[in-house]
PDB file of N, CA and C in Angstrom:
ATOM      1  N   MET A   1      -8.892  20.077  18.982  1.00  0.00           N
ATOM      2  CA  MET A   1      -9.991  20.724  18.380  1.00  0.00           C
ATOM      3  C   MET A   1      -9.845  20.640  16.900  1.00  0.00           C
ATOM      4  N   ALA A   2     -10.957  20.371  16.153  1.00  0.00           N
ATOM      5  CA  ALA A   2     -10.887  20.301  14.725  1.00  0.00           C
ATOM      6  C   ALA A   2     -10.780  21.679  14.049  1.00  0.00           C
ATOM      7  N   LYS A   3     -10.015  21.761  13.000  1.00  0.00           N
ATOM      8  CA  LYS A   3      -9.845  23.013  12.281  1.00  0.00           C
ATOM      9  C   LYS A   3     -10.527  22.895  10.937  1.00  0.00           C
ATOM     10  N   GLU A   4     -11.094  24.051  10.492  1.00  0.00           N
ATOM     11  CA  GLU A   4     -11.647  24.034   9.145  1.00  0.00           C
ATOM     12  C   GLU A   4     -10.583  24.441   8.213  1.00  0.00           C
ATOM     13  N   VAL A   5     -10.364  23.602   7.175  1.00  0.00           N
ATOM     14  CA  VAL A   5      -9.358  23.838   6.190  1.00  0.00           C
ATOM     15  C   VAL A   5     -10.033  23.772   4.838  1.00  0.00           C
ATOM     16  N   ALA A   6     -10.174  24.876   4.146  1.00  0.00           N
ATOM     17  CA  ALA A   6     -10.819  25.001   2.867  1.00  0.00           C
ATOM     18  C   ALA A   6     -12.164  24.308   2.792  1.00  0.00           C
ATOM     19  N   GLY A   7     -13.005  24.554   3.815  1.00  0.00           N
ATOM     20  CA  GLY A   7     -14.319  23.994   3.797  1.00  0.00           C
ATOM     21  C   GLY A   7     -14.445  22.593   4.394  1.00  0.00           C
ATOM     22  N   TRP A   8     -13.307  21.985   4.683  1.00  0.00           N
ATOM     23  CA  TRP A   8     -13.303  20.654   5.287  1.00  0.00           C
ATOM     24  C   TRP A   8     -12.777  20.753   6.672  1.00  0.00           C
ATOM     25  N   PHE A   9     -13.254  19.876   7.543  1.00  0.00           N
ATOM     26  CA  PHE A   9     -12.736  19.786   8.907  1.00  0.00           C
ATOM     27  C   PHE A   9     -11.603  18.800   8.978  1.00  0.00           C
ATOM     28  N   HIS A  10     -10.438  19.236   9.437  1.00  0.00           N
ATOM     29  CA  HIS A  10      -9.286  18.395   9.599  1.00  0.00           C
ATOM     30  C   HIS A  10      -9.259  17.907  11.046  1.00  0.00           C
ATOM     31  N   ARG A  11      -9.186  16.578  11.220  1.00  0.00           N
ATOM     32  CA  ARG A  11      -9.085  16.034  12.533  1.00  0.00           C
ATOM     33  C   ARG A  11      -7.659  15.593  12.791  1.00  0.00           C
ATOM     34  N   PRO A  12      -7.089  16.025  13.972  1.00  0.00           N
ATOM     35  CA  PRO A  12      -5.710  15.519  14.313  1.00  0.00           C
ATOM     36  C   PRO A  12      -5.692  13.980  14.313  1.00  0.00           C
ATOM     37  N   ALA A  13      -4.554  13.400  14.061  1.00  0.00           N
ATOM     38  CA  ALA A  13      -4.385  11.947  14.000  1.00  0.00           C
ATOM     39  C   ALA A  13      -4.829  11.284  15.234  1.00  0.00           C
ATOM     40  N   PHE A  14      -4.640  11.887  16.400  1.00  0.00           N
ATOM     41  CA  PHE A  14      -5.044  11.183  17.636  1.00  0.00           C
ATOM     42  C   PHE A  14      -6.524  11.108  17.810  1.00  0.00           C
ATOM     43  N   TRP A  15      -7.301  11.818  16.982  1.00  0.00           N
ATOM     44  CA  TRP A  15      -8.770  11.649  17.022  1.00  0.00           C
ATOM     45  C   TRP A  15      -9.242  10.511  16.160  1.00  0.00           C
ATOM     46  N   LEU A  16      -8.402  10.056  15.235  1.00  0.00           N
ATOM     47  CA  LEU A  16      -8.844   8.971  14.349  1.00  0.00           C
ATOM     48  C   LEU A  16      -8.862   7.645  15.026  1.00  0.00           C
ATOM     49  N   ARG A  17      -9.821   6.845  14.594  1.00  0.00           N
ATOM     50  CA  ARG A  17      -9.832   5.455  15.063  1.00  0.00           C
ATOM     51  C   ARG A  17      -8.702   4.713  14.369  1.00  0.00           C
ATOM     52  N   SER A  18      -8.289   3.581  14.955  1.00  0.00           N
ATOM     53  CA  SER A  18      -7.149   2.877  14.361  1.00  0.00           C
ATOM     54  C   SER A  18      -7.485   2.312  13.004  1.00  0.00           C
ATOM     55  N   ASP A  19      -8.739   2.074  12.695  1.00  0.00           N
ATOM     56  CA  ASP A  19      -9.117   1.572  11.378  1.00  0.00           C
ATOM     57  C   ASP A  19      -9.143   2.679  10.339  1.00  0.00           C
ATOM     58  N   GLU A  20      -9.065   3.956  10.802  1.00  0.00           N
ATOM     59  CA  GLU A  20      -8.987   5.101   9.870  1.00  0.00           C
ATOM     60  C   GLU A  20      -7.581   5.535   9.611  1.00  0.00           C
ATOM     61  N   MET A  21      -6.637   5.118  10.410  1.00  0.00           N
ATOM     62  CA  MET A  21      -5.221   5.495  10.279  1.00  0.00           C
ATOM     63  C   MET A  21      -4.633   4.849   9.034  1.00  0.00           C
ATOM     64  N   LYS A  22      -3.881   5.582   8.292  1.00  0.00           N
ATOM     65  CA  LYS A  22      -3.148   5.083   7.135  1.00  0.00           C
ATOM     66  C   LYS A  22      -1.696   5.229   7.364  1.00  0.00           C
ATOM     67  N   THR A  23      -0.951   4.242   6.941  1.00  0.00           N
ATOM     68  CA  THR A  23       0.504   4.268   7.104  1.00  0.00           C
ATOM     69  C   THR A  23       1.152   4.018   5.778  1.00  0.00           C
ATOM     70  N   GLU A  24       2.098   4.857   5.441  1.00  0.00           N
ATOM     71  CA  GLU A  24       2.888   4.725   4.206  1.00  0.00           C
ATOM     72  C   GLU A  24       4.404   4.609   4.495  1.00  0.00           C
ATOM     73  N   ILE A  25       5.023   3.967   3.574  1.00  0.00           N
ATOM     74  CA  ILE A  25       6.502   3.886   3.663  1.00  0.00           C
ATOM     75  C   ILE A  25       7.071   4.622   2.447  1.00  0.00           C
ATOM     76  N   ALA A  26       8.181   5.245   2.639  1.00  0.00           N
ATOM     77  CA  ALA A  26       8.849   5.972   1.563  1.00  0.00           C
ATOM     78  C   ALA A  26      10.340   5.789   1.735  1.00  0.00           C
ATOM     79  N   ILE A  27      11.070   5.982   0.637  1.00  0.00           N
ATOM     80  CA  ILE A  27      12.536   5.910   0.636  1.00  0.00           C
ATOM     81  C   ILE A  27      13.019   7.281   0.092  1.00  0.00           C
ATOM     82  N   ASN A  28      13.903   7.934   0.850  1.00  0.00           N
ATOM     83  CA  ASN A  28      14.511   9.183   0.347  1.00  0.00           C
ATOM     84  C   ASN A  28      15.657   8.822  -0.512  1.00  0.00           C
ATOM     85  N   PRO A  29      15.467   9.013  -1.856  1.00  0.00           N
ATOM     86  CA  PRO A  29      16.481   8.565  -2.807  1.00  0.00           C
ATOM     87  C   PRO A  29      17.819   9.362  -2.665  1.00  0.00           C
ATOM     88  N   ILE A  30      17.784  10.589  -2.145  1.00  0.00           N
ATOM     89  CA  ILE A  30      18.979  11.382  -2.020  1.00  0.00           C
ATOM     90  C   ILE A  30      19.794  10.851  -0.861  1.00  0.00           C
ATOM     91  N   ALA A  31      19.136  10.459   0.210  1.00  0.00           N
ATOM     92  CA  ALA A  31      19.866  10.006   1.436  1.00  0.00           C
ATOM     93  C   ALA A  31      20.333   8.553   1.227  1.00  0.00           C
ATOM     94  N   CYS A  32      19.637   7.744   0.438  1.00  0.00           N
ATOM     95  CA  CYS A  32      19.998   6.365   0.337  1.00  0.00           C
ATOM     96  C   CYS A  32      21.330   6.111  -0.355  1.00  0.00           C
ATOM     97  N   ASP A  33      22.144   5.202   0.286  1.00  0.00           N
ATOM     98  CA  ASP A  33      23.443   4.801  -0.347  1.00  0.00           C
ATOM     99  C   ASP A  33      23.409   3.424  -0.887  1.00  0.00           C
ATOM    100  N   GLY A  34      22.251   2.730  -0.847  1.00  0.00           N
ATOM    101  CA  GLY A  34      22.125   1.451  -1.451  1.00  0.00           C
ATOM    102  C   GLY A  34      22.723   0.291  -0.552  1.00  0.00           C
ATOM    103  N   HIS A  35      22.647   0.412   0.721  1.00  0.00           N
ATOM    104  CA  HIS A  35      23.175  -0.652   1.592  1.00  0.00           C
ATOM    105  C   HIS A  35      22.326  -1.926   1.465  1.00  0.00           C
ATOM    106  N   GLY A  36      20.996  -1.785   1.191  1.00  0.00           N
ATOM    107  CA  GLY A  36      20.114  -2.987   1.036  1.00  0.00           C
ATOM    108  C   GLY A  36      19.508  -3.578   2.275  1.00  0.00           C
ATOM    109  N   ILE A  37      19.828  -2.957   3.472  1.00  0.00           N
ATOM    110  CA  ILE A  37      19.300  -3.495   4.699  1.00  0.00           C
ATOM    111  C   ILE A  37      17.798  -3.484   4.699  1.00  0.00           C
ATOM    112  N   CYS A  38      17.199  -2.455   4.196  1.00  0.00           N
ATOM    113  CA  CYS A  38      15.738  -2.346   4.152  1.00  0.00           C
ATOM    114  C   CYS A  38      15.088  -3.520   3.415  1.00  0.00           C
ATOM    115  N   ALA A  39      15.688  -3.875   2.275  1.00  0.00           N
ATOM    116  CA  ALA A  39      15.140  -4.981   1.482  1.00  0.00           C
ATOM    117  C   ALA A  39      15.290  -6.327   2.175  1.00  0.00           C
ATOM    118  N   GLU A  40      16.339  -6.513   2.960  1.00  0.00           N
ATOM    119  CA  GLU A  40      16.485  -7.688   3.704  1.00  0.00           C
ATOM    120  C   GLU A  40      15.472  -7.824   4.867  1.00  0.00           C
ATOM    121  N   LEU A  41      15.187  -6.704   5.481  1.00  0.00           N
ATOM    122  CA  LEU A  41      14.227  -6.711   6.587  1.00  0.00           C
ATOM    123  C   LEU A  41      12.799  -6.620   6.133  1.00  0.00           C
ATOM    124  N   LEU A  42      12.511  -6.125   4.967  1.00  0.00           N
ATOM    125  CA  LEU A  42      11.153  -6.000   4.520  1.00  0.00           C
ATOM    126  C   LEU A  42      10.987  -6.380   3.049  1.00  0.00           C
ATOM    127  N   PRO A  43      11.298  -7.643   2.697  1.00  0.00           N
ATOM    128  CA  PRO A  43      11.229  -8.100   1.320  1.00  0.00           C
ATOM    129  C   PRO A  43       9.786  -8.091   0.711  1.00  0.00           C
ATOM    130  N   GLU A  44       8.785  -8.068   1.553  1.00  0.00           N
ATOM    131  CA  GLU A  44       7.435  -8.018   1.066  1.00  0.00           C
ATOM    132  C   GLU A  44       7.106  -6.691   0.339  1.00  0.00           C
ATOM    133  N   LEU A  45       7.812  -5.628   0.711  1.00  0.00           N
ATOM    134  CA  LEU A  45       7.533  -4.305   0.105  1.00  0.00           C
ATOM    135  C   LEU A  45       8.682  -3.689  -0.584  1.00  0.00           C
ATOM    136  N   ILE A  46       9.930  -4.147  -0.393  1.00  0.00           N
ATOM    137  CA  ILE A  46      11.125  -3.499  -0.977  1.00  0.00           C
ATOM    138  C   ILE A  46      11.964  -4.517  -1.710  1.00  0.00           C
ATOM    139  N   GLU A  47      12.248  -4.191  -2.905  1.00  0.00           N
ATOM    140  CA  GLU A  47      13.187  -5.003  -3.692  1.00  0.00           C
ATOM    141  C   GLU A  47      14.310  -4.098  -4.158  1.00  0.00           C
ATOM    142  N   LEU A  48      15.430  -4.693  -4.553  1.00  0.00           N
ATOM    143  CA  LEU A  48      16.634  -3.870  -4.945  1.00  0.00           C
ATOM    144  C   LEU A  48      16.750  -3.931  -6.462  1.00  0.00           C
ATOM    145  N   ASP A  49      17.198  -2.774  -7.015  1.00  0.00           N
ATOM    146  CA  ASP A  49      17.487  -2.754  -8.442  1.00  0.00           C
ATOM    147  C   ASP A  49      18.886  -3.354  -8.676  1.00  0.00           C
ATOM    148  N   GLU A  50      19.352  -3.258  -9.974  1.00  0.00           N
ATOM    149  CA  GLU A  50      20.649  -3.905 -10.283  1.00  0.00           C
ATOM    150  C   GLU A  50      21.826  -3.215  -9.626  1.00  0.00           C
ATOM    151  N   TRP A  51      21.682  -1.968  -9.106  1.00  0.00           N
ATOM    152  CA  TRP A  51      22.727  -1.271  -8.432  1.00  0.00           C
ATOM    153  C   TRP A  51      22.636  -1.363  -6.908  1.00  0.00           C
ATOM    154  N   GLY A  52      21.612  -2.040  -6.414  1.00  0.00           N
ATOM    155  CA  GLY A  52      21.402  -2.221  -4.967  1.00  0.00           C
ATOM    156  C   GLY A  52      20.547  -1.153  -4.323  1.00  0.00           C
ATOM    157  N   PHE A  53      19.911  -0.305  -5.099  1.00  0.00           N
ATOM    158  CA  PHE A  53      19.030   0.670  -4.497  1.00  0.00           C
ATOM    159  C   PHE A  53      17.620   0.130  -4.418  1.00  0.00           C
ATOM    160  N   PRO A  54      16.889   0.564  -3.360  1.00  0.00           N
ATOM    161  CA  PRO A  54      15.556   0.024  -3.126  1.00  0.00           C
ATOM    162  C   PRO A  54      14.467   0.582  -4.002  1.00  0.00           C
ATOM    163  N   ILE A  55      13.554  -0.293  -4.376  1.00  0.00           N
ATOM    164  CA  ILE A  55      12.388   0.052  -5.162  1.00  0.00           C
ATOM    165  C   ILE A  55      11.219  -0.423  -4.351  1.00  0.00           C
ATOM    166  N   LEU A  56      10.218   0.465  -4.106  1.00  0.00           N
ATOM    167  CA  LEU A  56       9.033   0.088  -3.351  1.00  0.00           C
ATOM    168  C   LEU A  56       8.052  -0.591  -4.247  1.00  0.00           C
ATOM    169  N   LYS A  57       7.529  -1.706  -3.786  1.00  0.00           N
ATOM    170  CA  LYS A  57       6.443  -2.414  -4.520  1.00  0.00           C
ATOM    171  C   LYS A  57       5.142  -1.718  -4.289  1.00  0.00           C
ATOM    172  N   SER A  58       4.996  -1.151  -3.085  1.00  0.00           N
ATOM    173  CA  SER A  58       3.812  -0.430  -2.734  1.00  0.00           C
ATOM    174  C   SER A  58       4.095   0.542  -1.625  1.00  0.00           C
ATOM    175  N   ARG A  59       3.502   1.708  -1.659  1.00  0.00           N
ATOM    176  CA  ARG A  59       3.729   2.703  -0.549  1.00  0.00           C
ATOM    177  C   ARG A  59       2.839   2.410   0.613  1.00  0.00           C
ATOM    178  N   ASN A  60       1.780   1.739   0.382  1.00  0.00           N
ATOM    179  CA  ASN A  60       0.843   1.413   1.517  1.00  0.00           C
ATOM    180  C   ASN A  60       1.438   0.341   2.383  1.00  0.00           C
ATOM    181  N   LEU A  61       1.443   0.607   3.679  1.00  0.00           N
ATOM    182  CA  LEU A  61       2.014  -0.313   4.665  1.00  0.00           C
ATOM    183  C   LEU A  61       0.968  -1.046   5.451  1.00  0.00           C
ATOM    184  N   PRO A  62       0.742  -2.329   5.153  1.00  0.00           N
ATOM    185  CA  PRO A  62      -0.194  -3.104   5.964  1.00  0.00           C
ATOM    186  C   PRO A  62       0.170  -3.135   7.448  1.00  0.00           C
ATOM    187  N   PRO A  63      -0.831  -3.138   8.302  1.00  0.00           N
ATOM    188  CA  PRO A  63      -0.561  -3.233   9.807  1.00  0.00           C
ATOM    189  C   PRO A  63       0.307  -4.426  10.175  1.00  0.00           C
ATOM    190  N   ALA A  64       0.203  -5.514   9.478  1.00  0.00           N
ATOM    191  CA  ALA A  64       0.953  -6.748   9.763  1.00  0.00           C
ATOM    192  C   ALA A  64       2.444  -6.492   9.587  1.00  0.00           C
ATOM    193  N   LEU A  65       2.820  -5.600   8.691  1.00  0.00           N
ATOM    194  CA  LEU A  65       4.253  -5.368   8.438  1.00  0.00           C
ATOM    195  C   LEU A  65       4.831  -4.119   9.136  1.00  0.00           C
ATOM    196  N   LEU A  66       4.032  -3.477   9.989  1.00  0.00           N
ATOM    197  CA  LEU A  66       4.440  -2.277  10.599  1.00  0.00           C
ATOM    198  C   LEU A  66       5.690  -2.413  11.492  1.00  0.00           C
ATOM    199  N   ASP A  67       5.740  -3.509  12.227  1.00  0.00           N
ATOM    200  CA  ASP A  67       6.905  -3.725  13.136  1.00  0.00           C
ATOM    201  C   ASP A  67       8.131  -3.951  12.358  1.00  0.00           C
ATOM    202  N   HIS A  68       8.070  -4.716  11.254  1.00  0.00           N
ATOM    203  CA  HIS A  68       9.238  -4.936  10.351  1.00  0.00           C
ATOM    204  C   HIS A  68       9.674  -3.636   9.709  1.00  0.00           C
ATOM    205  N   ALA A  69       8.703  -2.826   9.276  1.00  0.00           N
ATOM    206  CA  ALA A  69       9.049  -1.527   8.618  1.00  0.00           C
ATOM    207  C   ALA A  69       9.686  -0.565   9.644  1.00  0.00           C
ATOM    208  N   ARG A  70       9.210  -0.573  10.848  1.00  0.00           N
ATOM    209  CA  ARG A  70       9.812   0.325  11.858  1.00  0.00           C
ATOM    210  C   ARG A  70      11.282  -0.107  12.126  1.00  0.00           C
ATOM    211  N   ARG A  71      11.508  -1.453  12.142  1.00  0.00           N
ATOM    212  CA  ARG A  71      12.851  -1.932  12.309  1.00  0.00           C
ATOM    213  C   ARG A  71      13.768  -1.511  11.182  1.00  0.00           C
ATOM    214  N   ALA A  72      13.249  -1.580   9.912  1.00  0.00           N
ATOM    215  CA  ALA A  72      14.029  -1.175   8.775  1.00  0.00           C
ATOM    216  C   ALA A  72      14.294   0.290   8.837  1.00  0.00           C
ATOM    217  N   GLU A  73      13.342   1.055   9.293  1.00  0.00           N
ATOM    218  CA  GLU A  73      13.540   2.534   9.422  1.00  0.00           C
ATOM    219  C   GLU A  73      14.642   2.861  10.503  1.00  0.00           C
ATOM    220  N   ARG A  74      14.573   2.122  11.609  1.00  0.00           N
ATOM    221  CA  ARG A  74      15.519   2.375  12.665  1.00  0.00           C
ATOM    222  C   ARG A  74      16.961   1.844  12.300  1.00  0.00           C
ATOM    223  N   LEU A  75      17.090   0.815  11.510  1.00  0.00           N
ATOM    224  CA  LEU A  75      18.413   0.274  11.203  1.00  0.00           C
ATOM    225  C   LEU A  75      19.011   0.825   9.909  1.00  0.00           C
ATOM    226  N   CYS A  76      18.284   1.611   9.173  1.00  0.00           N
ATOM    227  CA  CYS A  76      18.870   2.202   7.956  1.00  0.00           C
ATOM    228  C   CYS A  76      20.027   3.120   8.336  1.00  0.00           C
ATOM    229  N   PRO A  77      21.251   2.841   7.838  1.00  0.00           N
ATOM    230  CA  PRO A  77      22.434   3.640   8.234  1.00  0.00           C
ATOM    231  C   PRO A  77      22.357   5.088   7.785  1.00  0.00           C
ATOM    232  N   THR A  78      21.615   5.378   6.752  1.00  0.00           N
ATOM    233  CA  THR A  78      21.498   6.762   6.291  1.00  0.00           C
ATOM    234  C   THR A  78      20.137   7.409   6.576  1.00  0.00           C
ATOM    235  N   LEU A  79      19.276   6.724   7.311  1.00  0.00           N
ATOM    236  CA  LEU A  79      17.963   7.186   7.712  1.00  0.00           C
ATOM    237  C   LEU A  79      17.100   7.568   6.490  1.00  0.00           C
ATOM    238  N   ALA A  80      17.227   6.733   5.433  1.00  0.00           N
ATOM    239  CA  ALA A  80      16.503   6.965   4.168  1.00  0.00           C
ATOM    240  C   ALA A  80      15.074   6.400   4.228  1.00  0.00           C
ATOM    241  N   VAL A  81      14.839   5.443   5.053  1.00  0.00           N
ATOM    242  CA  VAL A  81      13.506   4.859   5.162  1.00  0.00           C
ATOM    243  C   VAL A  81      12.617   5.720   6.047  1.00  0.00           C
ATOM    244  N   ILE A  82      11.463   6.101   5.530  1.00  0.00           N
ATOM    245  CA  ILE A  82      10.543   7.006   6.250  1.00  0.00           C
ATOM    246  C   ILE A  82       9.152   6.345   6.314  1.00  0.00           C
ATOM    247  N   ILE A  83       8.634   6.343   7.561  1.00  0.00           N
ATOM    248  CA  ILE A  83       7.290   5.773   7.759  1.00  0.00           C
ATOM    249  C   ILE A  83       6.391   6.970   8.228  1.00  0.00           C
ATOM    250  N   ARG A  84       5.262   7.168   7.479  1.00  0.00           N
ATOM    251  CA  ARG A  84       4.351   8.227   7.843  1.00  0.00           C
ATOM    252  C   ARG A  84       3.011   7.686   8.176  1.00  0.00           C
ATOM    253  N   GLU A  85       2.454   8.132   9.239  1.00  0.00           N
ATOM    254  CA  GLU A  85       1.125   7.714   9.693  1.00  0.00           C
ATOM    255  C   GLU A  85       0.235   8.974   9.648  1.00  0.00           C
ATOM    256  N   TYR A  86      -0.916   8.816   9.054  1.00  0.00           N
ATOM    257  CA  TYR A  86      -1.869   9.951   8.948  1.00  0.00           C
ATOM    258  C   TYR A  86      -3.270   9.409   8.979  1.00  0.00           C
TER     259      TYR A  86
END
């Protein structure tokens, strides 16, 4: 059921059509130890700085890269890669 939030109706994510879903990728800088696995698995969106820590080129995650991003999230040894769908 939709809830009214400050005059707007908020729809739960499962009500959204797939073309309305947005996916973002983020890196938790506190958890990250700079292993660089994420940049190897997702070079289209992540590059490493001179110390080996990841820098996101874009937070928006295209659907074509979702499988690669999920793999990077799963294989990160410190669980610093975060994928959010809304």
